Amino acid sequence: MPGRVNNPYAGNSGIEIQHNHHPTVKPLSLMRYLITLVTREGATVLDPFLGSGSTGVAAVQLGRSFVGCENDAEYFAIAQARIEHAVRQVAEAICQDLLFAPRVEQFVEQ
């Protein structure tokens, strides 16, 4: 697996992957829509055919826990990198929200 990947499809976790060449990559918007149809925030999503991890990325973005299974080591590495990247993005967004959230004291009348 030559070359370190630095692209949105594979993430940027330092895992050595050239690119995401899975033959049936699903659009994240579709996977987010499907997940919201059948789960609530905080639920666990199971993907027994992980592939390149689109379902896992969508689950993380929607605040769901995720379990995935993949028997191809190359696709597993791609999925792992993409999901780790999504987790970092969500964590950074939460930190930004906390950092810039108005303090309750600002809204309490004295």
PDB file of N, CA and C in Angstrom:
ATOM      1  N   MET A   1       0.830  -1.174   0.000  1.00  0.00           N
ATOM      2  CA  MET A   1       0.000   0.000   0.000  1.00  0.00           C
ATOM      3  C   MET A   1       0.877   1.240   0.000  1.00  0.00           C
ATOM      4  N   PRO A   2       1.279   1.723  -1.133  1.00  0.00           N
ATOM      5  CA  PRO A   2       2.205   2.847  -1.195  1.00  0.00           C
ATOM      6  C   PRO A   2       1.537   4.184  -0.946  1.00  0.00           C
ATOM      7  N   GLY A   3       2.289   5.103  -0.415  1.00  0.00           N
ATOM      8  CA  GLY A   3       1.855   6.493  -0.307  1.00  0.00           C
ATOM      9  C   GLY A   3       0.936   6.784   0.859  1.00  0.00           C
ATOM     10  N   ARG A   4       1.212   7.867   1.532  1.00  0.00           N
ATOM     11  CA  ARG A   4       0.362   8.306   2.638  1.00  0.00           C
ATOM     12  C   ARG A   4      -0.780   9.121   2.070  1.00  0.00           C
ATOM     13  N   VAL A   5      -1.969   8.826   2.507  1.00  0.00           N
ATOM     14  CA  VAL A   5      -3.136   9.512   1.976  1.00  0.00           C
ATOM     15  C   VAL A   5      -3.404  10.785   2.748  1.00  0.00           C
ATOM     16  N   ASN A   6      -3.808  11.805   2.038  1.00  0.00           N
ATOM     17  CA  ASN A   6      -4.222  13.058   2.653  1.00  0.00           C
ATOM     18  C   ASN A   6      -5.401  13.579   1.845  1.00  0.00           C
ATOM     19  N   ASN A   7      -6.519  12.848   1.900  1.00  0.00           N
ATOM     20  CA  ASN A   7      -7.698  13.268   1.158  1.00  0.00           C
ATOM     21  C   ASN A   7      -8.960  12.993   1.955  1.00  0.00           C
ATOM     22  N   PRO A   8     -10.078  13.628   1.608  1.00  0.00           N
ATOM     23  CA  PRO A   8     -11.298  13.481   2.398  1.00  0.00           C
ATOM     24  C   PRO A   8     -11.921  12.098   2.347  1.00  0.00           C
ATOM     25  N   TYR A   9     -11.582  11.303   1.354  1.00  0.00           N
ATOM     26  CA  TYR A   9     -12.167   9.974   1.259  1.00  0.00           C
ATOM     27  C   TYR A   9     -11.513   8.992   2.202  1.00  0.00           C
ATOM     28  N   ALA A  10     -10.232   9.122   2.416  1.00  0.00           N
ATOM     29  CA  ALA A  10      -9.538   8.164   3.269  1.00  0.00           C
ATOM     30  C   ALA A  10      -9.205   8.743   4.623  1.00  0.00           C
ATOM     31  N   GLY A  11      -9.397  10.024   4.822  1.00  0.00           N
ATOM     32  CA  GLY A  11      -9.031  10.637   6.089  1.00  0.00           C
ATOM     33  C   GLY A  11      -7.569  11.017   6.085  1.00  0.00           C
ATOM     34  N   ASN A  12      -7.062  11.362   7.236  1.00  0.00           N
ATOM     35  CA  ASN A  12      -5.673  11.778   7.337  1.00  0.00           C
ATOM     36  C   ASN A  12      -5.120  11.282   8.664  1.00  0.00           C
ATOM     37  N   SER A  13      -5.106   9.989   8.846  1.00  0.00           N
ATOM     38  CA  SER A  13      -4.687   9.425  10.117  1.00  0.00           C
ATOM     39  C   SER A  13      -3.262   8.899  10.071  1.00  0.00           C
ATOM     40  N   GLY A  14      -2.587   9.059   8.945  1.00  0.00           N
ATOM     41  CA  GLY A  14      -1.235   8.546   8.828  1.00  0.00           C
ATOM     42  C   GLY A  14      -1.190   7.114   8.333  1.00  0.00           C
ATOM     43  N   ILE A  15      -2.347   6.493   8.129  1.00  0.00           N
ATOM     44  CA  ILE A  15      -2.369   5.130   7.609  1.00  0.00           C
ATOM     45  C   ILE A  15      -1.975   5.179   6.142  1.00  0.00           C
ATOM     46  N   GLU A  16      -1.143   4.248   5.740  1.00  0.00           N
ATOM     47  CA  GLU A  16      -0.646   4.239   4.374  1.00  0.00           C
ATOM     48  C   GLU A  16      -1.694   3.671   3.418  1.00  0.00           C
ATOM     49  N   ILE A  17      -2.351   4.569   2.682  1.00  0.00           N
ATOM     50  CA  ILE A  17      -3.359   4.180   1.702  1.00  0.00           C
ATOM     51  C   ILE A  17      -3.218   5.121   0.513  1.00  0.00           C
ATOM     52  N   GLN A  18      -3.343   4.607  -0.681  1.00  0.00           N
ATOM     53  CA  GLN A  18      -3.237   5.460  -1.853  1.00  0.00           C
ATOM     54  C   GLN A  18      -4.502   6.286  -2.052  1.00  0.00           C
ATOM     55  N   HIS A  19      -5.661   5.627  -2.118  1.00  0.00           N
ATOM     56  CA  HIS A  19      -6.940   6.324  -2.260  1.00  0.00           C
ATOM     57  C   HIS A  19      -8.072   5.338  -2.013  1.00  0.00           C
ATOM     58  N   ASN A  20      -9.269   5.864  -1.952  1.00  0.00           N
ATOM     59  CA  ASN A  20     -10.437   5.026  -1.737  1.00  0.00           C
ATOM     60  C   ASN A  20     -10.941   4.557  -3.094  1.00  0.00           C
ATOM     61  N   HIS A  21     -10.666   3.333  -3.423  1.00  0.00           N
ATOM     62  CA  HIS A  21     -11.091   2.797  -4.721  1.00  0.00           C
ATOM     63  C   HIS A  21     -12.130   1.690  -4.570  1.00  0.00           C
ATOM     64  N   HIS A  22     -12.859   1.715  -3.471  1.00  0.00           N
ATOM     65  CA  HIS A  22     -13.917   0.727  -3.261  1.00  0.00           C
ATOM     66  C   HIS A  22     -14.944   0.869  -4.383  1.00  0.00           C
ATOM     67  N   PRO A  23     -15.402  -0.244  -4.953  1.00  0.00           N
ATOM     68  CA  PRO A  23     -16.280  -0.155  -6.127  1.00  0.00           C
ATOM     69  C   PRO A  23     -17.696   0.353  -5.841  1.00  0.00           C
ATOM     70  N   THR A  24     -18.125   0.340  -4.582  1.00  0.00           N
ATOM     71  CA  THR A  24     -19.490   0.779  -4.290  1.00  0.00           C
ATOM     72  C   THR A  24     -19.525   1.786  -3.145  1.00  0.00           C
ATOM     73  N   VAL A  25     -18.721   2.823  -3.222  1.00  0.00           N
ATOM     74  CA  VAL A  25     -18.726   3.869  -2.197  1.00  0.00           C
ATOM     75  C   VAL A  25     -20.096   4.536  -2.195  1.00  0.00           C
ATOM     76  N   LYS A  26     -20.683   4.644  -1.013  1.00  0.00           N
ATOM     77  CA  LYS A  26     -22.010   5.258  -0.884  1.00  0.00           C
ATOM     78  C   LYS A  26     -21.868   6.739  -0.542  1.00  0.00           C
ATOM     79  N   PRO A  27     -22.740   7.590  -1.056  1.00  0.00           N
ATOM     80  CA  PRO A  27     -22.715   9.015  -0.691  1.00  0.00           C
ATOM     81  C   PRO A  27     -23.034   9.181   0.795  1.00  0.00           C
ATOM     82  N   LEU A  28     -22.273  10.029   1.477  1.00  0.00           N
ATOM     83  CA  LEU A  28     -22.508  10.258   2.899  1.00  0.00           C
ATOM     84  C   LEU A  28     -23.903  10.811   3.148  1.00  0.00           C
ATOM     85  N   SER A  29     -24.388  11.663   2.262  1.00  0.00           N
ATOM     86  CA  SER A  29     -25.730  12.226   2.450  1.00  0.00           C
ATOM     87  C   SER A  29     -26.793  11.123   2.457  1.00  0.00           C
ATOM     88  N   LEU A  30     -26.656  10.132   1.604  1.00  0.00           N
ATOM     89  CA  LEU A  30     -27.590   9.009   1.576  1.00  0.00           C
ATOM     90  C   LEU A  30     -27.502   8.204   2.869  1.00  0.00           C
ATOM     91  N   MET A  31     -26.289   7.912   3.320  1.00  0.00           N
ATOM     92  CA  MET A  31     -26.133   7.111   4.532  1.00  0.00           C
ATOM     93  C   MET A  31     -26.654   7.866   5.756  1.00  0.00           C
ATOM     94  N   ARG A  32     -26.426   9.185   5.820  1.00  0.00           N
ATOM     95  CA  ARG A  32     -26.975   9.969   6.932  1.00  0.00           C
ATOM     96  C   ARG A  32     -28.511   9.904   6.921  1.00  0.00           C
ATOM     97  N   TYR A  33     -29.098  10.043   5.745  1.00  0.00           N
ATOM     98  CA  TYR A  33     -30.557   9.990   5.616  1.00  0.00           C
ATOM     99  C   TYR A  33     -31.087   8.635   6.090  1.00  0.00           C
ATOM    100  N   LEU A  34     -30.483   7.555   5.632  1.00  0.00           N
ATOM    101  CA  LEU A  34     -30.943   6.217   6.007  1.00  0.00           C
ATOM    102  C   LEU A  34     -30.785   5.975   7.509  1.00  0.00           C
ATOM    103  N   ILE A  35     -29.676   6.434   8.074  1.00  0.00           N
ATOM    104  CA  ILE A  35     -29.454   6.252   9.509  1.00  0.00           C
ATOM    105  C   ILE A  35     -30.504   7.014  10.313  1.00  0.00           C
ATOM    106  N   THR A  36     -30.832   8.231   9.884  1.00  0.00           N
ATOM    107  CA  THR A  36     -31.840   9.003  10.627  1.00  0.00           C
ATOM    108  C   THR A  36     -33.241   8.392  10.503  1.00  0.00           C
ATOM    109  N   LEU A  37     -33.486   7.632   9.440  1.00  0.00           N
ATOM    110  CA  LEU A  37     -34.783   6.972   9.292  1.00  0.00           C
ATOM    111  C   LEU A  37     -34.997   5.873  10.323  1.00  0.00           C
ATOM    112  N   VAL A  38     -33.920   5.186  10.708  1.00  0.00           N
ATOM    113  CA  VAL A  38     -34.086   3.976  11.526  1.00  0.00           C
ATOM    114  C   VAL A  38     -33.445   4.047  12.908  1.00  0.00           C
ATOM    115  N   THR A  39     -32.781   5.160  13.256  1.00  0.00           N
ATOM    116  CA  THR A  39     -32.152   5.256  14.578  1.00  0.00           C
ATOM    117  C   THR A  39     -32.381   6.634  15.175  1.00  0.00           C
ATOM    118  N   ARG A  40     -32.136   6.707  16.470  1.00  0.00           N
ATOM    119  CA  ARG A  40     -32.149   7.980  17.177  1.00  0.00           C
ATOM    120  C   ARG A  40     -30.731   8.285  17.627  1.00  0.00           C
ATOM    121  N   GLU A  41     -30.487   9.560  17.959  1.00  0.00           N
ATOM    122  CA  GLU A  41     -29.168   9.947  18.443  1.00  0.00           C
ATOM    123  C   GLU A  41     -28.813   9.096  19.658  1.00  0.00           C
ATOM    124  N   GLY A  42     -27.572   8.612  19.696  1.00  0.00           N
ATOM    125  CA  GLY A  42     -27.104   7.767  20.784  1.00  0.00           C
ATOM    126  C   GLY A  42     -27.243   6.282  20.498  1.00  0.00           C
ATOM    127  N   ALA A  43     -27.974   5.917  19.446  1.00  0.00           N
ATOM    128  CA  ALA A  43     -28.151   4.503  19.090  1.00  0.00           C
ATOM    129  C   ALA A  43     -26.850   3.945  18.520  1.00  0.00           C
ATOM    130  N   THR A  44     -26.799   2.632  18.379  1.00  0.00           N
ATOM    131  CA  THR A  44     -25.650   1.972  17.766  1.00  0.00           C
ATOM    132  C   THR A  44     -26.038   1.479  16.381  1.00  0.00           C
ATOM    133  N   VAL A  45     -25.195   1.793  15.399  1.00  0.00           N
ATOM    134  CA  VAL A  45     -25.398   1.368  14.016  1.00  0.00           C
ATOM    135  C   VAL A  45     -24.445   0.211  13.727  1.00  0.00           C
ATOM    136  N   LEU A  46     -24.958  -0.867  13.152  1.00  0.00           N
ATOM    137  CA  LEU A  46     -24.145  -2.022  12.777  1.00  0.00           C
ATOM    138  C   LEU A  46     -24.050  -2.099  11.259  1.00  0.00           C
ATOM    139  N   ASP A  47     -22.835  -2.186  10.751  1.00  0.00           N
ATOM    140  CA  ASP A  47     -22.617  -2.393   9.319  1.00  0.00           C
ATOM    141  C   ASP A  47     -21.775  -3.654   9.162  1.00  0.00           C
ATOM    142  N   PRO A  48     -22.396  -4.784   8.808  1.00  0.00           N
ATOM    143  CA  PRO A  48     -21.643  -6.034   8.703  1.00  0.00           C
ATOM    144  C   PRO A  48     -20.770  -6.114   7.448  1.00  0.00           C
ATOM    145  N   PHE A  49     -20.905  -5.150   6.553  1.00  0.00           N
ATOM    146  CA  PHE A  49     -20.099  -5.104   5.334  1.00  0.00           C
ATOM    147  C   PHE A  49     -19.511  -3.704   5.222  1.00  0.00           C
ATOM    148  N   LEU A  50     -18.525  -3.408   6.029  1.00  0.00           N
ATOM    149  CA  LEU A  50     -17.982  -2.067   6.241  1.00  0.00           C
ATOM    150  C   LEU A  50     -17.492  -1.393   4.974  1.00  0.00           C
ATOM    151  N   GLY A  51     -16.842  -2.131   4.109  1.00  0.00           N
ATOM    152  CA  GLY A  51     -16.296  -1.526   2.892  1.00  0.00           C
ATOM    153  C   GLY A  51     -15.363  -0.390   3.228  1.00  0.00           C
ATOM    154  N   SER A  52     -15.580   0.776   2.634  1.00  0.00           N
ATOM    155  CA  SER A  52     -14.688   1.915   2.877  1.00  0.00           C
ATOM    156  C   SER A  52     -15.201   2.829   3.988  1.00  0.00           C
ATOM    157  N   GLY A  53     -16.278   2.442   4.672  1.00  0.00           N
ATOM    158  CA  GLY A  53     -16.674   3.118   5.893  1.00  0.00           C
ATOM    159  C   GLY A  53     -17.679   4.249   5.800  1.00  0.00           C
ATOM    160  N   SER A  54     -18.388   4.386   4.701  1.00  0.00           N
ATOM    161  CA  SER A  54     -19.344   5.489   4.574  1.00  0.00           C
ATOM    162  C   SER A  54     -20.402   5.469   5.667  1.00  0.00           C
ATOM    163  N   THR A  55     -20.902   4.290   6.007  1.00  0.00           N
ATOM    164  CA  THR A  55     -21.916   4.195   7.053  1.00  0.00           C
ATOM    165  C   THR A  55     -21.335   4.611   8.400  1.00  0.00           C
ATOM    166  N   GLY A  56     -20.101   4.216   8.670  1.00  0.00           N
ATOM    167  CA  GLY A  56     -19.448   4.592   9.923  1.00  0.00           C
ATOM    168  C   GLY A  56     -19.234   6.085  10.038  1.00  0.00           C
ATOM    169  N   VAL A  57     -18.799   6.708   8.963  1.00  0.00           N
ATOM    170  CA  VAL A  57     -18.596   8.161   8.961  1.00  0.00           C
ATOM    171  C   VAL A  57     -19.918   8.863   9.217  1.00  0.00           C
ATOM    172  N   ALA A  58     -20.969   8.446   8.523  1.00  0.00           N
ATOM    173  CA  ALA A  58     -22.285   9.057   8.699  1.00  0.00           C
ATOM    174  C   ALA A  58     -22.789   8.864  10.129  1.00  0.00           C
ATOM    175  N   ALA A  59     -22.578   7.684  10.693  1.00  0.00           N
ATOM    176  CA  ALA A  59     -23.015   7.416  12.066  1.00  0.00           C
ATOM    177  C   ALA A  59     -22.318   8.344  13.050  1.00  0.00           C
ATOM    178  N   VAL A  60     -21.020   8.505  12.897  1.00  0.00           N
ATOM    179  CA  VAL A  60     -20.259   9.402  13.776  1.00  0.00           C
ATOM    180  C   VAL A  60     -20.767  10.830  13.637  1.00  0.00           C
ATOM    181  N   GLN A  61     -20.983  11.273  12.415  1.00  0.00           N
ATOM    182  CA  GLN A  61     -21.455  12.637  12.173  1.00  0.00           C
ATOM    183  C   GLN A  61     -22.826  12.887  12.803  1.00  0.00           C
ATOM    184  N   LEU A  62     -23.626  11.836  12.939  1.00  0.00           N
ATOM    185  CA  LEU A  62     -24.976  11.967  13.484  1.00  0.00           C
ATOM    186  C   LEU A  62     -25.059  11.653  14.980  1.00  0.00           C
ATOM    187  N   GLY A  63     -23.932  11.407  15.623  1.00  0.00           N
ATOM    188  CA  GLY A  63     -23.929  11.142  17.057  1.00  0.00           C
ATOM    189  C   GLY A  63     -24.337   9.730  17.432  1.00  0.00           C
ATOM    190  N   ARG A  64     -24.133   8.798  16.518  1.00  0.00           N
ATOM    191  CA  ARG A  64     -24.435   7.391  16.802  1.00  0.00           C
ATOM    192  C   ARG A  64     -23.139   6.639  17.086  1.00  0.00           C
ATOM    193  N   SER A  65     -23.247   5.589  17.889  1.00  0.00           N
ATOM    194  CA  SER A  65     -22.134   4.660  18.041  1.00  0.00           C
ATOM    195  C   SER A  65     -22.120   3.787  16.798  1.00  0.00           C
ATOM    196  N   PHE A  66     -20.977   3.130  16.562  1.00  0.00           N
ATOM    197  CA  PHE A  66     -20.863   2.383  15.322  1.00  0.00           C
ATOM    198  C   PHE A  66     -20.042   1.123  15.515  1.00  0.00           C
ATOM    199  N   VAL A  67     -20.509   0.036  14.903  1.00  0.00           N
ATOM    200  CA  VAL A  67     -19.775  -1.225  14.854  1.00  0.00           C
ATOM    201  C   VAL A  67     -19.762  -1.658  13.394  1.00  0.00           C
ATOM    202  N   GLY A  68     -18.578  -1.971  12.875  1.00  0.00           N
ATOM    203  CA  GLY A  68     -18.472  -2.411  11.490  1.00  0.00           C
ATOM    204  C   GLY A  68     -17.575  -3.621  11.358  1.00  0.00           C
ATOM    205  N   CYS A  69     -17.856  -4.456  10.372  1.00  0.00           N
ATOM    206  CA  CYS A  69     -17.063  -5.660  10.099  1.00  0.00           C
ATOM    207  C   CYS A  69     -16.594  -5.629   8.646  1.00  0.00           C
ATOM    208  N   GLU A  70     -15.327  -5.923   8.434  1.00  0.00           N
ATOM    209  CA  GLU A  70     -14.787  -5.964   7.069  1.00  0.00           C
ATOM    210  C   GLU A  70     -13.682  -7.012   7.026  1.00  0.00           C
ATOM    211  N   ASN A  71     -13.709  -7.886   6.007  1.00  0.00           N
ATOM    212  CA  ASN A  71     -12.687  -8.927   5.928  1.00  0.00           C
ATOM    213  C   ASN A  71     -11.536  -8.574   4.991  1.00  0.00           C
ATOM    214  N   ASP A  72     -11.630  -7.500   4.234  1.00  0.00           N
ATOM    215  CA  ASP A  72     -10.544  -7.067   3.350  1.00  0.00           C
ATOM    216  C   ASP A  72      -9.697  -6.033   4.092  1.00  0.00           C
ATOM    217  N   ALA A  73      -8.433  -6.351   4.311  1.00  0.00           N
ATOM    218  CA  ALA A  73      -7.548  -5.495   5.113  1.00  0.00           C
ATOM    219  C   ALA A  73      -7.383  -4.102   4.507  1.00  0.00           C
ATOM    220  N   GLU A  74      -7.314  -4.011   3.189  1.00  0.00           N
ATOM    221  CA  GLU A  74      -7.134  -2.703   2.552  1.00  0.00           C
ATOM    222  C   GLU A  74      -8.368  -1.817   2.748  1.00  0.00           C
ATOM    223  N   TYR A  75      -9.556  -2.380   2.548  1.00  0.00           N
ATOM    224  CA  TYR A  75     -10.773  -1.601   2.763  1.00  0.00           C
ATOM    225  C   TYR A  75     -10.944  -1.255   4.234  1.00  0.00           C
ATOM    226  N   PHE A  76     -10.570  -2.183   5.117  1.00  0.00           N
ATOM    227  CA  PHE A  76     -10.655  -1.890   6.546  1.00  0.00           C
ATOM    228  C   PHE A  76      -9.775  -0.692   6.896  1.00  0.00           C
ATOM    229  N   ALA A  77      -8.568  -0.636   6.344  1.00  0.00           N
ATOM    230  CA  ALA A  77      -7.665   0.485   6.616  1.00  0.00           C
ATOM    231  C   ALA A  77      -8.249   1.806   6.109  1.00  0.00           C
ATOM    232  N   ILE A  78      -8.879   1.777   4.947  1.00  0.00           N
ATOM    233  CA  ILE A  78      -9.528   2.977   4.416  1.00  0.00           C
ATOM    234  C   ILE A  78     -10.661   3.406   5.340  1.00  0.00           C
ATOM    235  N   ALA A  79     -11.499   2.453   5.736  1.00  0.00           N
ATOM    236  CA  ALA A  79     -12.628   2.756   6.619  1.00  0.00           C
ATOM    237  C   ALA A  79     -12.135   3.294   7.958  1.00  0.00           C
ATOM    238  N   GLN A  80     -11.115   2.670   8.507  1.00  0.00           N
ATOM    239  CA  GLN A  80     -10.573   3.119   9.787  1.00  0.00           C
ATOM    240  C   GLN A  80     -10.093   4.567   9.695  1.00  0.00           C
ATOM    241  N   ALA A  81      -9.375   4.894   8.640  1.00  0.00           N
ATOM    242  CA  ALA A  81      -8.877   6.256   8.464  1.00  0.00           C
ATOM    243  C   ALA A  81     -10.025   7.250   8.310  1.00  0.00           C
ATOM    244  N   ARG A  82     -11.034   6.893   7.529  1.00  0.00           N
ATOM    245  CA  ARG A  82     -12.174   7.796   7.326  1.00  0.00           C
ATOM    246  C   ARG A  82     -12.959   8.015   8.611  1.00  0.00           C
ATOM    247  N   ILE A  83     -13.194   6.956   9.368  1.00  0.00           N
ATOM    248  CA  ILE A  83     -13.962   7.073  10.606  1.00  0.00           C
ATOM    249  C   ILE A  83     -13.171   7.843  11.656  1.00  0.00           C
ATOM    250  N   GLU A  84     -11.873   7.588  11.768  1.00  0.00           N
ATOM    251  CA  GLU A  84     -11.041   8.348  12.706  1.00  0.00           C
ATOM    252  C   GLU A  84     -11.048   9.835  12.350  1.00  0.00           C
ATOM    253  N   HIS A  85     -11.002  10.138  11.061  1.00  0.00           N
ATOM    254  CA  HIS A  85     -11.057  11.533  10.613  1.00  0.00           C
ATOM    255  C   HIS A  85     -12.390  12.172  11.008  1.00  0.00           C
ATOM    256  N   ALA A  86     -13.488  11.439  10.830  1.00  0.00           N
ATOM    257  CA  ALA A  86     -14.813  11.950  11.201  1.00  0.00           C
ATOM    258  C   ALA A  86     -14.900  12.185  12.707  1.00  0.00           C
ATOM    259  N   VAL A  87     -14.341  11.282  13.499  1.00  0.00           N
ATOM    260  CA  VAL A  87     -14.358  11.443  14.954  1.00  0.00           C
ATOM    261  C   VAL A  87     -13.601  12.712  15.346  1.00  0.00           C
ATOM    262  N   ARG A  88     -12.445  12.946  14.726  1.00  0.00           N
ATOM    263  CA  ARG A  88     -11.681  14.169  15.025  1.00  0.00           C
ATOM    264  C   ARG A  88     -12.463  15.417  14.640  1.00  0.00           C
ATOM    265  N   GLN A  89     -13.125  15.393  13.488  1.00  0.00           N
ATOM    266  CA  GLN A  89     -13.911  16.552  13.058  1.00  0.00           C
ATOM    267  C   GLN A  89     -15.052  16.844  14.030  1.00  0.00           C
ATOM    268  N   VAL A  90     -15.745  15.814  14.471  1.00  0.00           N
ATOM    269  CA  VAL A  90     -16.847  16.004  15.418  1.00  0.00           C
ATOM    270  C   VAL A  90     -16.306  16.525  16.740  1.00  0.00           C
ATOM    271  N   ALA A  91     -15.201  15.971  17.217  1.00  0.00           N
ATOM    272  CA  ALA A  91     -14.605  16.426  18.476  1.00  0.00           C
ATOM    273  C   ALA A  91     -14.184  17.888  18.384  1.00  0.00           C
ATOM    274  N   GLU A  92     -13.587  18.273  17.270  1.00  0.00           N
ATOM    275  CA  GLU A  92     -13.184  19.673  17.085  1.00  0.00           C
ATOM    276  C   GLU A  92     -14.405  20.595  17.064  1.00  0.00           C
ATOM    277  N   ALA A  93     -15.480  20.172  16.425  1.00  0.00           N
ATOM    278  CA  ALA A  93     -16.701  20.984  16.376  1.00  0.00           C
ATOM    279  C   ALA A  93     -17.296  21.147  17.772  1.00  0.00           C
ATOM    280  N   ILE A  94     -17.300  20.079  18.557  1.00  0.00           N
ATOM    281  CA  ILE A  94     -17.819  20.157  19.920  1.00  0.00           C
ATOM    282  C   ILE A  94     -16.967  21.109  20.752  1.00  0.00           C
ATOM    283  N   CYS A  95     -15.653  21.005  20.624  1.00  0.00           N
ATOM    284  CA  CYS A  95     -14.767  21.907  21.365  1.00  0.00           C
ATOM    285  C   CYS A  95     -15.005  23.361  20.969  1.00  0.00           C
ATOM    286  N   GLN A  96     -15.200  23.614  19.684  1.00  0.00           N
ATOM    287  CA  GLN A  96     -15.473  24.976  19.226  1.00  0.00           C
ATOM    288  C   GLN A  96     -16.787  25.486  19.805  1.00  0.00           C
ATOM    289  N   ASP A  97     -17.797  24.627  19.827  1.00  0.00           N
ATOM    290  CA  ASP A  97     -19.087  25.021  20.398  1.00  0.00           C
ATOM    291  C   ASP A  97     -18.941  25.365  21.875  1.00  0.00           C
ATOM    292  N   LEU A  98     -18.183  24.561  22.599  1.00  0.00           N
ATOM    293  CA  LEU A  98     -17.985  24.820  24.027  1.00  0.00           C
ATOM    294  C   LEU A  98     -17.179  26.086  24.254  1.00  0.00           C
ATOM    295  N   LEU A  99     -16.196  26.296  23.406  1.00  0.00           N
ATOM    296  CA  LEU A  99     -15.324  27.450  23.556  1.00  0.00           C
ATOM    297  C   LEU A  99     -16.085  28.754  23.328  1.00  0.00           C
ATOM    298  N   PHE A 100     -16.978  28.759  22.356  1.00  0.00           N
ATOM    299  CA  PHE A 100     -17.670  29.989  21.991  1.00  0.00           C
ATOM    300  C   PHE A 100     -19.121  30.042  22.469  1.00  0.00           C
ATOM    301  N   ALA A 101     -19.532  29.083  23.272  1.00  0.00           N
ATOM    302  CA  ALA A 101     -20.903  29.077  23.783  1.00  0.00           C
ATOM    303  C   ALA A 101     -21.078  30.220  24.775  1.00  0.00           C
ATOM    304  N   PRO A 102     -22.202  30.906  24.714  1.00  0.00           N
ATOM    305  CA  PRO A 102     -22.435  31.991  25.675  1.00  0.00           C
ATOM    306  C   PRO A 102     -22.573  31.413  27.080  1.00  0.00           C
ATOM    307  N   ARG A 103     -22.118  32.152  28.042  1.00  0.00           N
ATOM    308  CA  ARG A 103     -22.226  31.708  29.431  1.00  0.00           C
ATOM    309  C   ARG A 103     -23.643  31.944  29.918  1.00  0.00           C
ATOM    310  N   VAL A 104     -24.130  31.050  30.757  1.00  0.00           N
ATOM    311  CA  VAL A 104     -25.487  31.145  31.300  1.00  0.00           C
ATOM    312  C   VAL A 104     -25.646  32.457  32.055  1.00  0.00           C
ATOM    313  N   GLU A 105     -24.599  32.885  32.748  1.00  0.00           N
ATOM    314  CA  GLU A 105     -24.670  34.119  33.538  1.00  0.00           C
ATOM    315  C   GLU A 105     -25.035  35.342  32.677  1.00  0.00           C
ATOM    316  N   GLN A 106     -24.701  35.292  31.398  1.00  0.00           N
ATOM    317  CA  GLN A 106     -24.985  36.415  30.517  1.00  0.00           C
ATOM    318  C   GLN A 106     -26.495  36.592  30.322  1.00  0.00           C
ATOM    319  N   PHE A 107     -27.264  35.543  30.545  1.00  0.00           N
ATOM    320  CA  PHE A 107     -28.681  35.604  30.286  1.00  0.00           C
ATOM    321  C   PHE A 107     -29.526  35.657  31.560  1.00  0.00           C
ATOM    322  N   VAL A 108     -28.885  35.580  32.698  1.00  0.00           N
ATOM    323  CA  VAL A 108     -29.617  35.612  33.971  1.00  0.00           C
ATOM    324  C   VAL A 108     -29.702  37.048  34.437  1.00  0.00           C
ATOM    325  N   GLU A 109     -30.933  37.492  34.684  1.00  0.00           N
ATOM    326  CA  GLU A 109     -31.116  38.875  35.159  1.00  0.00           C
ATOM    327  C   GLU A 109     -30.685  38.971  36.612  1.00  0.00           C
ATOM    328  N   GLN A 110     -30.038  40.047  36.934  1.00  0.00           N
ATOM    329  CA  GLN A 110     -29.561  40.259  38.297  1.00  0.00           C
ATOM    330  C   GLN A 110     -30.623  40.903  39.135  1.00  0.00           C
TER     331      GLN A 110
END
